[in-house]
């Protein structure tokens, strides 16, 4: 099973989520890591750029839509980089920029350790 990693920014963002939402999200993550095929309403993989693929875990409750974004910068780990309360149907440009910037930061950190 892949190792789970979290960026410092992600940990601050996810802390604002209710306990119930956090439990629901990480239950989805666990099911994904065990190989279960999640429905489109719970999960999707998509590309932000030609080389950047991310995973989006989705939870909806009476207060709205909650999202957690992860990427696989290292083959043996799933790194969580962004958590947010989604307020529009499409992923906003500002959210895309945050995700791309955080992936670049991760890759830079990895190359320094490399």
PDB file of N, CA and C in Angstrom:
ATOM      1  N   UNK A   1       0.842  -1.184   0.000  1.00  0.00           N
ATOM      2  CA  UNK A   1       0.000   0.000   0.000  1.00  0.00           C
ATOM      3  C   UNK A   1       0.886   1.247   0.000  1.00  0.00           C
ATOM      4  N   UNK A   2       0.437   2.261  -0.687  1.00  0.00           N
ATOM      5  CA  UNK A   2       1.194   3.501  -0.768  1.00  0.00           C
ATOM      6  C   UNK A   2       1.260   4.193   0.589  1.00  0.00           C
ATOM      7  N   UNK A   3       2.369   4.877   0.814  1.00  0.00           N
ATOM      8  CA  UNK A   3       2.535   5.682   2.014  1.00  0.00           C
ATOM      9  C   UNK A   3       1.783   7.002   1.816  1.00  0.00           C
ATOM     10  N   UNK A   4       1.143   7.502   2.861  1.00  0.00           N
ATOM     11  CA  UNK A   4       0.441   8.783   2.786  1.00  0.00           C
ATOM     12  C   UNK A   4       1.337   9.880   3.339  1.00  0.00           C
ATOM     13  N   UNK A   5       1.394  10.997   2.612  1.00  0.00           N
ATOM     14  CA  UNK A   5       2.159  12.160   3.049  1.00  0.00           C
ATOM     15  C   UNK A   5       1.266  13.382   2.951  1.00  0.00           C
ATOM     16  N   UNK A   6       1.580  14.392   3.756  1.00  0.00           N
ATOM     17  CA  UNK A   6       0.769  15.601   3.803  1.00  0.00           C
ATOM     18  C   UNK A   6       1.684  16.815   3.814  1.00  0.00           C
ATOM     19  N   UNK A   7       1.345  17.811   3.008  1.00  0.00           N
ATOM     20  CA  UNK A   7       2.105  19.052   3.067  1.00  0.00           C
ATOM     21  C   UNK A   7       1.642  19.842   4.285  1.00  0.00           C
ATOM     22  N   UNK A   8       2.474  20.755   4.726  1.00  0.00           N
ATOM     23  CA  UNK A   8       2.136  21.597   5.870  1.00  0.00           C
ATOM     24  C   UNK A   8       0.878  22.426   5.589  1.00  0.00           C
ATOM     25  N   UNK A   9       0.783  22.958   4.374  1.00  0.00           N
ATOM     26  CA  UNK A   9      -0.396  23.761   4.007  1.00  0.00           C
ATOM     27  C   UNK A   9      -1.663  22.898   4.058  1.00  0.00           C
ATOM     28  N   UNK A  10      -1.569  21.671   3.545  1.00  0.00           N
ATOM     29  CA  UNK A  10      -2.718  20.763   3.563  1.00  0.00           C
ATOM     30  C   UNK A  10      -3.189  20.516   4.992  1.00  0.00           C
ATOM     31  N   UNK A  11      -2.251  20.269   5.893  1.00  0.00           N
ATOM     32  CA  UNK A  11      -2.622  19.984   7.282  1.00  0.00           C
ATOM     33  C   UNK A  11      -3.379  21.156   7.907  1.00  0.00           C
ATOM     34  N   UNK A  12      -2.985  22.377   7.589  1.00  0.00           N
ATOM     35  CA  UNK A  12      -3.693  23.561   8.095  1.00  0.00           C
ATOM     36  C   UNK A  12      -5.093  23.647   7.491  1.00  0.00           C
ATOM     37  N   UNK A  13      -5.203  23.362   6.210  1.00  0.00           N
ATOM     38  CA  UNK A  13      -6.501  23.450   5.526  1.00  0.00           C
ATOM     39  C   UNK A  13      -7.477  22.372   6.005  1.00  0.00           C
ATOM     40  N   UNK A  14      -7.005  21.152   6.128  1.00  0.00           N
ATOM     41  CA  UNK A  14      -7.885  20.044   6.516  1.00  0.00           C
ATOM     42  C   UNK A  14      -8.331  20.201   7.984  1.00  0.00           C
ATOM     43  N   UNK A  15      -7.543  20.895   8.779  1.00  0.00           N
ATOM     44  CA  UNK A  15      -7.900  21.123  10.184  1.00  0.00           C
ATOM     45  C   UNK A  15      -9.207  21.904  10.309  1.00  0.00           C
ATOM     46  N   UNK A  16      -9.536  22.707   9.291  1.00  0.00           N
ATOM     47  CA  UNK A  16     -10.769  23.500   9.314  1.00  0.00           C
ATOM     48  C   UNK A  16     -12.007  22.665   8.969  1.00  0.00           C
ATOM     49  N   UNK A  17     -11.829  21.472   8.443  1.00  0.00           N
ATOM     50  CA  UNK A  17     -12.949  20.602   8.086  1.00  0.00           C
ATOM     51  C   UNK A  17     -13.539  19.989   9.352  1.00  0.00           C
ATOM     52  N   UNK A  18     -14.823  19.699   9.318  1.00  0.00           N
ATOM     53  CA  UNK A  18     -15.456  19.019  10.459  1.00  0.00           C
ATOM     54  C   UNK A  18     -14.895  17.597  10.569  1.00  0.00           C
ATOM     55  N   UNK A  19     -14.997  17.046  11.752  1.00  0.00           N
ATOM     56  CA  UNK A  19     -14.525  15.679  11.972  1.00  0.00           C
ATOM     57  C   UNK A  19     -15.237  14.704  11.038  1.00  0.00           C
ATOM     58  N   UNK A  20     -16.530  14.885  10.858  1.00  0.00           N
ATOM     59  CA  UNK A  20     -17.304  13.992   9.988  1.00  0.00           C
ATOM     60  C   UNK A  20     -16.796  14.034   8.540  1.00  0.00           C
ATOM     61  N   UNK A  21     -16.509  15.223   8.034  1.00  0.00           N
ATOM     62  CA  UNK A  21     -15.997  15.361   6.666  1.00  0.00           C
ATOM     63  C   UNK A  21     -14.620  14.711   6.550  1.00  0.00           C
ATOM     64  N   UNK A  22     -13.751  14.954   7.522  1.00  0.00           N
ATOM     65  CA  UNK A  22     -12.409  14.339   7.499  1.00  0.00           C
ATOM     66  C   UNK A  22     -12.515  12.813   7.485  1.00  0.00           C
ATOM     67  N   UNK A  23     -13.394  12.274   8.332  1.00  0.00           N
ATOM     68  CA  UNK A  23     -13.574  10.815   8.376  1.00  0.00           C
ATOM     69  C   UNK A  23     -14.052  10.294   7.026  1.00  0.00           C
ATOM     70  N   UNK A  24     -15.024  10.972   6.438  1.00  0.00           N
ATOM     71  CA  UNK A  24     -15.558  10.540   5.142  1.00  0.00           C
ATOM     72  C   UNK A  24     -14.486  10.581   4.050  1.00  0.00           C
ATOM     73  N   UNK A  25     -13.699  11.638   4.042  1.00  0.00           N
ATOM     74  CA  UNK A  25     -12.643  11.772   3.025  1.00  0.00           C
ATOM     75  C   UNK A  25     -11.604  10.674   3.178  1.00  0.00           C
ATOM     76  N   UNK A  26     -11.131  10.460   4.402  1.00  0.00           N
ATOM     77  CA  UNK A  26     -10.072   9.469   4.565  1.00  0.00           C
ATOM     78  C   UNK A  26     -10.577   8.032   4.459  1.00  0.00           C
ATOM     79  N   UNK A  27     -11.865   7.823   4.631  1.00  0.00           N
ATOM     80  CA  UNK A  27     -12.447   6.522   4.315  1.00  0.00           C
ATOM     81  C   UNK A  27     -12.385   6.291   2.794  1.00  0.00           C
ATOM     82  N   UNK A  28     -12.690   7.335   2.020  1.00  0.00           N
ATOM     83  CA  UNK A  28     -12.563   7.233   0.553  1.00  0.00           C
ATOM     84  C   UNK A  28     -11.117   6.937   0.156  1.00  0.00           C
ATOM     85  N   UNK A  29     -10.180   7.634   0.790  1.00  0.00           N
ATOM     86  CA  UNK A  29      -8.757   7.419   0.486  1.00  0.00           C
ATOM     87  C   UNK A  29      -8.380   5.968   0.768  1.00  0.00           C
ATOM     88  N   UNK A  30      -8.800   5.461   1.907  1.00  0.00           N
ATOM     89  CA  UNK A  30      -8.494   4.075   2.269  1.00  0.00           C
ATOM     90  C   UNK A  30      -9.071   3.100   1.231  1.00  0.00           C
ATOM     91  N   UNK A  31     -10.311   3.315   0.843  1.00  0.00           N
ATOM     92  CA  UNK A  31     -10.941   2.446  -0.161  1.00  0.00           C
ATOM     93  C   UNK A  31     -10.179   2.517  -1.483  1.00  0.00           C
ATOM     94  N   UNK A  32      -9.756   3.717  -1.874  1.00  0.00           N
ATOM     95  CA  UNK A  32      -8.974   3.909  -3.108  1.00  0.00           C
ATOM     96  C   UNK A  32      -7.662   3.131  -3.030  1.00  0.00           C
ATOM     97  N   UNK A  33      -6.969   3.251  -1.906  1.00  0.00           N
ATOM     98  CA  UNK A  33      -5.682   2.572  -1.749  1.00  0.00           C
ATOM     99  C   UNK A  33      -5.820   1.051  -1.716  1.00  0.00           C
ATOM    100  N   UNK A  34      -6.983   0.570  -1.317  1.00  0.00           N
ATOM    101  CA  UNK A  34      -7.231  -0.873  -1.303  1.00  0.00           C
ATOM    102  C   UNK A  34      -7.676  -1.389  -2.674  1.00  0.00           C
ATOM    103  N   UNK A  35      -7.743  -0.478  -3.657  1.00  0.00           N
ATOM    104  CA  UNK A  35      -8.042  -0.881  -5.019  1.00  0.00           C
ATOM    105  C   UNK A  35      -9.495  -0.791  -5.427  1.00  0.00           C
ATOM    106  N   UNK A  36     -10.335  -0.268  -4.555  1.00  0.00           N
ATOM    107  CA  UNK A  36     -11.753  -0.152  -4.897  1.00  0.00           C
ATOM    108  C   UNK A  36     -11.952   0.944  -5.939  1.00  0.00           C
ATOM    109  N   UNK A  37     -12.822   0.682  -6.872  1.00  0.00           N
ATOM    110  CA  UNK A  37     -13.163   1.681  -7.887  1.00  0.00           C
ATOM    111  C   UNK A  37     -14.249   2.589  -7.315  1.00  0.00           C
ATOM    112  N   UNK A  38     -13.915   3.843  -7.073  1.00  0.00           N
ATOM    113  CA  UNK A  38     -14.857   4.795  -6.488  1.00  0.00           C
ATOM    114  C   UNK A  38     -15.704   5.433  -7.572  1.00  0.00           C
ATOM    115  N   UNK A  39     -16.908   5.842  -7.205  1.00  0.00           N
ATOM    116  CA  UNK A  39     -17.806   6.465  -8.180  1.00  0.00           C
ATOM    117  C   UNK A  39     -17.322   7.871  -8.539  1.00  0.00           C
ATOM    118  N   UNK A  40     -17.840   8.392  -9.657  1.00  0.00           N
ATOM    119  CA  UNK A  40     -17.466   9.733 -10.110  1.00  0.00           C
ATOM    120  C   UNK A  40     -17.871  10.812  -9.110  1.00  0.00           C
ATOM    121  N   UNK A  41     -18.872  10.536  -8.302  1.00  0.00           N
ATOM    122  CA  UNK A  41     -19.285  11.530  -7.302  1.00  0.00           C
ATOM    123  C   UNK A  41     -18.349  11.551  -6.093  1.00  0.00           C
ATOM    124  N   UNK A  42     -17.459  10.538  -5.990  1.00  0.00           N
ATOM    125  CA  UNK A  42     -16.542  10.442  -4.861  1.00  0.00           C
ATOM    126  C   UNK A  42     -15.091  10.716  -5.224  1.00  0.00           C
ATOM    127  N   UNK A  43     -14.738  10.534  -6.497  1.00  0.00           N
ATOM    128  CA  UNK A  43     -13.322  10.558  -6.871  1.00  0.00           C
ATOM    129  C   UNK A  43     -13.162  10.825  -8.356  1.00  0.00           C
ATOM    130  N   UNK A  44     -12.098  11.539  -8.680  1.00  0.00           N
ATOM    131  CA  UNK A  44     -11.700  11.610 -10.090  1.00  0.00           C
ATOM    132  C   UNK A  44     -10.214  11.911 -10.183  1.00  0.00           C
ATOM    133  N   UNK A  45      -9.611  11.432 -11.254  1.00  0.00           N
ATOM    134  CA  UNK A  45      -8.226  11.744 -11.588  1.00  0.00           C
ATOM    135  C   UNK A  45      -8.272  12.638 -12.808  1.00  0.00           C
ATOM    136  N   UNK A  46      -7.476  13.693 -12.786  1.00  0.00           N
ATOM    137  CA  UNK A  46      -7.447  14.576 -13.947  1.00  0.00           C
ATOM    138  C   UNK A  46      -6.093  15.237 -14.079  1.00  0.00           C
ATOM    139  N   UNK A  47      -5.830  15.783 -15.254  1.00  0.00           N
ATOM    140  CA  UNK A  47      -4.570  16.466 -15.540  1.00  0.00           C
ATOM    141  C   UNK A  47      -4.781  17.967 -15.495  1.00  0.00           C
ATOM    142  N   UNK A  48      -3.878  18.651 -14.820  1.00  0.00           N
ATOM    143  CA  UNK A  48      -3.901  20.112 -14.809  1.00  0.00           C
ATOM    144  C   UNK A  48      -3.015  20.663 -15.923  1.00  0.00           C
ATOM    145  N   UNK A  49      -1.935  19.945 -16.184  1.00  0.00           N
ATOM    146  CA  UNK A  49      -1.036  20.268 -17.289  1.00  0.00           C
ATOM    147  C   UNK A  49      -0.705  18.939 -17.963  1.00  0.00           C
ATOM    148  N   UNK A  50       0.102  18.980 -18.999  1.00  0.00           N
ATOM    149  CA  UNK A  50       0.456  17.739 -19.699  1.00  0.00           C
ATOM    150  C   UNK A  50       1.144  16.734 -18.782  1.00  0.00           C
ATOM    151  N   UNK A  51       1.901  17.230 -17.811  1.00  0.00           N
ATOM    152  CA  UNK A  51       2.671  16.318 -16.965  1.00  0.00           C
ATOM    153  C   UNK A  51       2.156  16.199 -15.532  1.00  0.00           C
ATOM    154  N   UNK A  52       1.115  16.951 -15.188  1.00  0.00           N
ATOM    155  CA  UNK A  52       0.637  16.956 -13.805  1.00  0.00           C
ATOM    156  C   UNK A  52      -0.738  16.309 -13.672  1.00  0.00           C
ATOM    157  N   UNK A  53      -0.758  15.101 -13.110  1.00  0.00           N
ATOM    158  CA  UNK A  53      -2.016  14.411 -12.828  1.00  0.00           C
ATOM    159  C   UNK A  53      -2.279  14.471 -11.334  1.00  0.00           C
ATOM    160  N   UNK A  54      -3.529  14.687 -10.976  1.00  0.00           N
ATOM    161  CA  UNK A  54      -3.896  14.733  -9.559  1.00  0.00           C
ATOM    162  C   UNK A  54      -5.127  13.864  -9.315  1.00  0.00           C
ATOM    163  N   UNK A  55      -5.326  13.533  -8.041  1.00  0.00           N
ATOM    164  CA  UNK A  55      -6.484  12.786  -7.625  1.00  0.00           C
ATOM    165  C   UNK A  55      -7.340  13.722  -6.768  1.00  0.00           C
ATOM    166  N   UNK A  56      -8.636  13.716  -7.018  1.00  0.00           N
ATOM    167  CA  UNK A  56      -9.567  14.550  -6.252  1.00  0.00           C
ATOM    168  C   UNK A  56     -10.553  13.639  -5.526  1.00  0.00           C
ATOM    169  N   UNK A  57     -10.538  13.718  -4.191  1.00  0.00           N
ATOM    170  CA  UNK A  57     -11.487  12.985  -3.365  1.00  0.00           C
ATOM    171  C   UNK A  57     -12.581  13.971  -2.972  1.00  0.00           C
ATOM    172  N   UNK A  58     -13.856  13.539  -3.128  1.00  0.00           N
ATOM    173  CA  UNK A  58     -14.984  14.460  -2.982  1.00  0.00           C
ATOM    174  C   UNK A  58     -15.976  13.966  -1.934  1.00  0.00           C
ATOM    175  N   UNK A  59     -16.409  14.901  -1.091  1.00  0.00           N
ATOM    176  CA  UNK A  59     -17.448  14.617  -0.101  1.00  0.00           C
ATOM    177  C   UNK A  59     -18.435  15.775  -0.136  1.00  0.00           C
ATOM    178  N   UNK A  60     -19.702  15.433  -0.041  1.00  0.00           N
ATOM    179  CA  UNK A  60     -20.762  16.444  -0.033  1.00  0.00           C
ATOM    180  C   UNK A  60     -21.604  16.252   1.217  1.00  0.00           C
ATOM    181  N   UNK A  61     -21.929  17.369   1.869  1.00  0.00           N
ATOM    182  CA  UNK A  61     -22.855  17.326   3.000  1.00  0.00           C
ATOM    183  C   UNK A  61     -23.787  18.531   2.920  1.00  0.00           C
ATOM    184  N   UNK A  62     -24.556  18.764   3.956  1.00  0.00           N
ATOM    185  CA  UNK A  62     -25.533  19.861   3.917  1.00  0.00           C
ATOM    186  C   UNK A  62     -24.879  21.237   3.828  1.00  0.00           C
ATOM    187  N   UNK A  63     -23.588  21.332   4.174  1.00  0.00           N
ATOM    188  CA  UNK A  63     -22.898  22.623   4.115  1.00  0.00           C
ATOM    189  C   UNK A  63     -22.183  22.853   2.787  1.00  0.00           C
ATOM    190  N   UNK A  64     -22.146  21.842   1.925  1.00  0.00           N
ATOM    191  CA  UNK A  64     -21.529  22.028   0.617  1.00  0.00           C
ATOM    192  C   UNK A  64     -20.630  20.893   0.181  1.00  0.00           C
ATOM    193  N   UNK A  65     -19.763  21.215  -0.752  1.00  0.00           N
ATOM    194  CA  UNK A  65     -18.844  20.248  -1.359  1.00  0.00           C
ATOM    195  C   UNK A  65     -17.438  20.454  -0.816  1.00  0.00           C
ATOM    196  N   UNK A  66     -16.830  19.377  -0.362  1.00  0.00           N
ATOM    197  CA  UNK A  66     -15.494  19.405   0.223  1.00  0.00           C
ATOM    198  C   UNK A  66     -14.555  18.600  -0.651  1.00  0.00           C
ATOM    199  N   UNK A  67     -13.358  19.103  -0.878  1.00  0.00           N
ATOM    200  CA  UNK A  67     -12.412  18.451  -1.778  1.00  0.00           C
ATOM    201  C   UNK A  67     -11.033  18.327  -1.143  1.00  0.00           C
ATOM    202  N   UNK A  68     -10.377  17.218  -1.465  1.00  0.00           N
ATOM    203  CA  UNK A  68      -8.991  16.992  -1.084  1.00  0.00           C
ATOM    204  C   UNK A  68      -8.261  16.569  -2.349  1.00  0.00           C
ATOM    205  N   UNK A  69      -7.136  17.220  -2.616  1.00  0.00           N
ATOM    206  CA  UNK A  69      -6.348  16.947  -3.814  1.00  0.00           C
ATOM    207  C   UNK A  69      -5.029  16.288  -3.408  1.00  0.00           C
ATOM    208  N   UNK A  70      -4.697  15.220  -4.119  1.00  0.00           N
ATOM    209  CA  UNK A  70      -3.417  14.538  -3.887  1.00  0.00           C
ATOM    210  C   UNK A  70      -2.698  14.352  -5.214  1.00  0.00           C
ATOM    211  N   UNK A  71      -1.408  14.049  -5.106  1.00  0.00           N
ATOM    212  CA  UNK A  71      -0.616  13.745  -6.302  1.00  0.00           C
ATOM    213  C   UNK A  71       0.396  12.665  -5.938  1.00  0.00           C
ATOM    214  N   UNK A  72       1.004  12.097  -6.959  1.00  0.00           N
ATOM    215  CA  UNK A  72       2.021  11.062  -6.741  1.00  0.00           C
ATOM    216  C   UNK A  72       3.342  11.556  -7.297  1.00  0.00           C
ATOM    217  N   UNK A  73       4.028  12.387  -6.500  1.00  0.00           N
ATOM    218  CA  UNK A  73       5.340  12.887  -6.903  1.00  0.00           C
ATOM    219  C   UNK A  73       6.352  11.753  -6.796  1.00  0.00           C
ATOM    220  N   UNK A  74       6.190  10.918  -5.774  1.00  0.00           N
ATOM    221  CA  UNK A  74       7.019   9.725  -5.596  1.00  0.00           C
ATOM    222  C   UNK A  74       6.135   8.515  -5.867  1.00  0.00           C
ATOM    223  N   UNK A  75       6.670   7.506  -6.521  1.00  0.00           N
ATOM    224  CA  UNK A  75       5.867   6.355  -6.948  1.00  0.00           C
ATOM    225  C   UNK A  75       5.239   5.584  -5.796  1.00  0.00           C
ATOM    226  N   UNK A  76       5.903   5.560  -4.641  1.00  0.00           N
ATOM    227  CA  UNK A  76       5.416   4.751  -3.530  1.00  0.00           C
ATOM    228  C   UNK A  76       4.574   5.530  -2.524  1.00  0.00           C
ATOM    229  N   UNK A  77       4.216   6.783  -2.861  1.00  0.00           N
ATOM    230  CA  UNK A  77       3.440   7.565  -1.902  1.00  0.00           C
ATOM    231  C   UNK A  77       2.374   8.432  -2.579  1.00  0.00           C
ATOM    232  N   UNK A  78       1.363   8.731  -1.799  1.00  0.00           N
ATOM    233  CA  UNK A  78       0.281   9.621  -2.205  1.00  0.00           C
ATOM    234  C   UNK A  78       0.412  10.848  -1.302  1.00  0.00           C
ATOM    235  N   UNK A  79       0.676  12.008  -1.903  1.00  0.00           N
ATOM    236  CA  UNK A  79       0.900  13.223  -1.123  1.00  0.00           C
ATOM    237  C   UNK A  79      -0.304  14.143  -1.244  1.00  0.00           C
ATOM    238  N   UNK A  80      -0.853  14.523  -0.109  1.00  0.00           N
ATOM    239  CA  UNK A  80      -2.002  15.423  -0.075  1.00  0.00           C
ATOM    240  C   UNK A  80      -1.507  16.851  -0.044  1.00  0.00           C
ATOM    241  N   UNK A  81      -1.992  17.638  -1.018  1.00  0.00           N
ATOM    242  CA  UNK A  81      -1.434  18.977  -1.195  1.00  0.00           C
ATOM    243  C   UNK A  81      -2.437  20.111  -1.010  1.00  0.00           C
ATOM    244  N   UNK A  82      -3.749  19.825  -1.056  1.00  0.00           N
ATOM    245  CA  UNK A  82      -4.725  20.918  -1.006  1.00  0.00           C
ATOM    246  C   UNK A  82      -6.065  20.387  -0.514  1.00  0.00           C
ATOM    247  N   UNK A  83      -6.682  21.128   0.394  1.00  0.00           N
ATOM    248  CA  UNK A  83      -8.013  20.787   0.903  1.00  0.00           C
ATOM    249  C   UNK A  83      -8.841  22.065   0.890  1.00  0.00           C
ATOM    250  N   UNK A  84     -10.055  21.976   0.344  1.00  0.00           N
ATOM    251  CA  UNK A  84     -10.867  23.187   0.249  1.00  0.00           C
ATOM    252  C   UNK A  84     -12.348  22.886   0.173  1.00  0.00           C
ATOM    253  N   UNK A  85     -13.132  23.907   0.468  1.00  0.00           N
ATOM    254  CA  UNK A  85     -14.589  23.870   0.377  1.00  0.00           C
ATOM    255  C   UNK A  85     -14.927  24.421  -1.002  1.00  0.00           C
ATOM    256  N   UNK A  86     -15.389  23.559  -1.874  1.00  0.00           N
ATOM    257  CA  UNK A  86     -15.655  23.951  -3.256  1.00  0.00           C
ATOM    258  C   UNK A  86     -17.000  24.676  -3.332  1.00  0.00           C
ATOM    259  N   UNK A  87     -16.960  25.864  -3.936  1.00  0.00           N
ATOM    260  CA  UNK A  87     -18.167  26.690  -3.962  1.00  0.00           C
ATOM    261  C   UNK A  87     -18.712  26.927  -5.359  1.00  0.00           C
ATOM    262  N   UNK A  88     -18.056  26.383  -6.368  1.00  0.00           N
ATOM    263  CA  UNK A  88     -18.545  26.537  -7.736  1.00  0.00           C
ATOM    264  C   UNK A  88     -18.521  25.179  -8.424  1.00  0.00           C
ATOM    265  N   UNK A  89     -19.215  25.078  -9.542  1.00  0.00           N
ATOM    266  CA  UNK A  89     -19.294  23.796 -10.227  1.00  0.00           C
ATOM    267  C   UNK A  89     -17.936  23.374 -10.796  1.00  0.00           C
ATOM    268  N   UNK A  90     -17.256  24.296 -11.449  1.00  0.00           N
ATOM    269  CA  UNK A  90     -15.941  23.997 -12.034  1.00  0.00           C
ATOM    270  C   UNK A  90     -14.844  24.346 -11.041  1.00  0.00           C
ATOM    271  N   UNK A  91     -13.692  23.709 -11.218  1.00  0.00           N
ATOM    272  CA  UNK A  91     -12.529  24.038 -10.411  1.00  0.00           C
ATOM    273  C   UNK A  91     -12.063  25.434 -10.815  1.00  0.00           C
ATOM    274  N   UNK A  92     -12.002  26.330  -9.853  1.00  0.00           N
ATOM    275  CA  UNK A  92     -11.626  27.712 -10.145  1.00  0.00           C
ATOM    276  C   UNK A  92     -10.162  27.817 -10.545  1.00  0.00           C
ATOM    277  N   UNK A  93      -9.871  28.811 -11.359  1.00  0.00           N
ATOM    278  CA  UNK A  93      -8.499  29.036 -11.825  1.00  0.00           C
ATOM    279  C   UNK A  93      -7.547  29.245 -10.644  1.00  0.00           C
ATOM    280  N   UNK A  94      -8.002  29.939  -9.614  1.00  0.00           N
ATOM    281  CA  UNK A  94      -7.136  30.184  -8.453  1.00  0.00           C
ATOM    282  C   UNK A  94      -6.782  28.862  -7.751  1.00  0.00           C
ATOM    283  N   UNK A  95      -7.733  27.934  -7.714  1.00  0.00           N
ATOM    284  CA  UNK A  95      -7.458  26.626  -7.113  1.00  0.00           C
ATOM    285  C   UNK A  95      -6.472  25.837  -7.972  1.00  0.00           C
ATOM    286  N   UNK A  96      -6.626  25.902  -9.288  1.00  0.00           N
ATOM    287  CA  UNK A  96      -5.684  25.223 -10.188  1.00  0.00           C
ATOM    288  C   UNK A  96      -4.271  25.750  -9.983  1.00  0.00           C
ATOM    289  N   UNK A  97      -4.150  27.073  -9.854  1.00  0.00           N
ATOM    290  CA  UNK A  97      -2.824  27.676  -9.659  1.00  0.00           C
ATOM    291  C   UNK A  97      -2.188  27.235  -8.347  1.00  0.00           C
ATOM    292  N   UNK A  98      -3.000  27.149  -7.294  1.00  0.00           N
ATOM    293  CA  UNK A  98      -2.497  26.687  -5.997  1.00  0.00           C
ATOM    294  C   UNK A  98      -1.973  25.260  -6.128  1.00  0.00           C
ATOM    295  N   UNK A  99      -2.737  24.395  -6.769  1.00  0.00           N
ATOM    296  CA  UNK A  99      -2.359  22.987  -6.923  1.00  0.00           C
ATOM    297  C   UNK A  99      -1.065  22.861  -7.730  1.00  0.00           C
ATOM    298  N   UNK A 100      -0.984  23.544  -8.858  1.00  0.00           N
ATOM    299  CA  UNK A 100       0.218  23.488  -9.708  1.00  0.00           C
ATOM    300  C   UNK A 100       1.435  23.998  -8.947  1.00  0.00           C
ATOM    301  N   UNK A 101       1.267  25.111  -8.214  1.00  0.00           N
ATOM    302  CA  UNK A 101       2.387  25.678  -7.448  1.00  0.00           C
ATOM    303  C   UNK A 101       2.862  24.687  -6.385  1.00  0.00           C
ATOM    304  N   UNK A 102       1.930  24.050  -5.705  1.00  0.00           N
ATOM    305  CA  UNK A 102       2.319  23.113  -4.646  1.00  0.00           C
ATOM    306  C   UNK A 102       3.009  21.870  -5.197  1.00  0.00           C
ATOM    307  N   UNK A 103       2.594  21.410  -6.361  1.00  0.00           N
ATOM    308  CA  UNK A 103       3.273  20.270  -6.983  1.00  0.00           C
ATOM    309  C   UNK A 103       4.704  20.664  -7.350  1.00  0.00           C
ATOM    310  N   UNK A 104       4.872  21.859  -7.903  1.00  0.00           N
ATOM    311  CA  UNK A 104       6.229  22.336  -8.243  1.00  0.00           C
ATOM    312  C   UNK A 104       7.101  22.414  -6.996  1.00  0.00           C
ATOM    313  N   UNK A 105       6.534  22.938  -5.899  1.00  0.00           N
ATOM    314  CA  UNK A 105       7.289  23.024  -4.644  1.00  0.00           C
ATOM    315  C   UNK A 105       7.710  21.648  -4.163  1.00  0.00           C
ATOM    316  N   UNK A 106       6.798  20.679  -4.265  1.00  0.00           N
ATOM    317  CA  UNK A 106       7.113  19.301  -3.859  1.00  0.00           C
ATOM    318  C   UNK A 106       8.255  18.731  -4.700  1.00  0.00           C
ATOM    319  N   UNK A 107       8.163  18.945  -6.001  1.00  0.00           N
ATOM    320  CA  UNK A 107       9.198  18.425  -6.902  1.00  0.00           C
ATOM    321  C   UNK A 107      10.549  19.090  -6.613  1.00  0.00           C
ATOM    322  N   UNK A 108      10.538  20.379  -6.314  1.00  0.00           N
ATOM    323  CA  UNK A 108      11.776  21.082  -5.978  1.00  0.00           C
ATOM    324  C   UNK A 108      12.385  20.522  -4.686  1.00  0.00           C
ATOM    325  N   UNK A 109      11.539  20.299  -3.677  1.00  0.00           N
ATOM    326  CA  UNK A 109      12.014  19.708  -2.417  1.00  0.00           C
ATOM    327  C   UNK A 109      12.607  18.327  -2.662  1.00  0.00           C
ATOM    328  N   UNK A 110      11.928  17.546  -3.485  1.00  0.00           N
ATOM    329  CA  UNK A 110      12.379  16.184  -3.776  1.00  0.00           C
ATOM    330  C   UNK A 110      13.728  16.198  -4.492  1.00  0.00           C
ATOM    331  N   UNK A 111      13.909  17.110  -5.445  1.00  0.00           N
ATOM    332  CA  UNK A 111      15.178  17.166  -6.187  1.00  0.00           C
ATOM    333  C   UNK A 111      16.322  17.631  -5.286  1.00  0.00           C
ATOM    334  N   UNK A 112      16.036  18.459  -4.270  1.00  0.00           N
ATOM    335  CA  UNK A 112      17.072  18.889  -3.324  1.00  0.00           C
ATOM    336  C   UNK A 112      17.505  17.727  -2.451  1.00  0.00           C
ATOM    337  N   UNK A 113      16.537  16.853  -2.088  1.00  0.00           N
ATOM    338  CA  UNK A 113      16.859  15.686  -1.257  1.00  0.00           C
ATOM    339  C   UNK A 113      17.527  14.595  -2.083  1.00  0.00           C
ATOM    340  N   UNK A 114      17.121  14.540  -3.381  1.00  0.00           N
ATOM    341  CA  UNK A 114      17.497  13.499  -4.319  1.00  0.00           C
ATOM    342  C   UNK A 114      18.908  13.137  -4.384  1.00  0.00           C
TER     343      UNK A 114
END
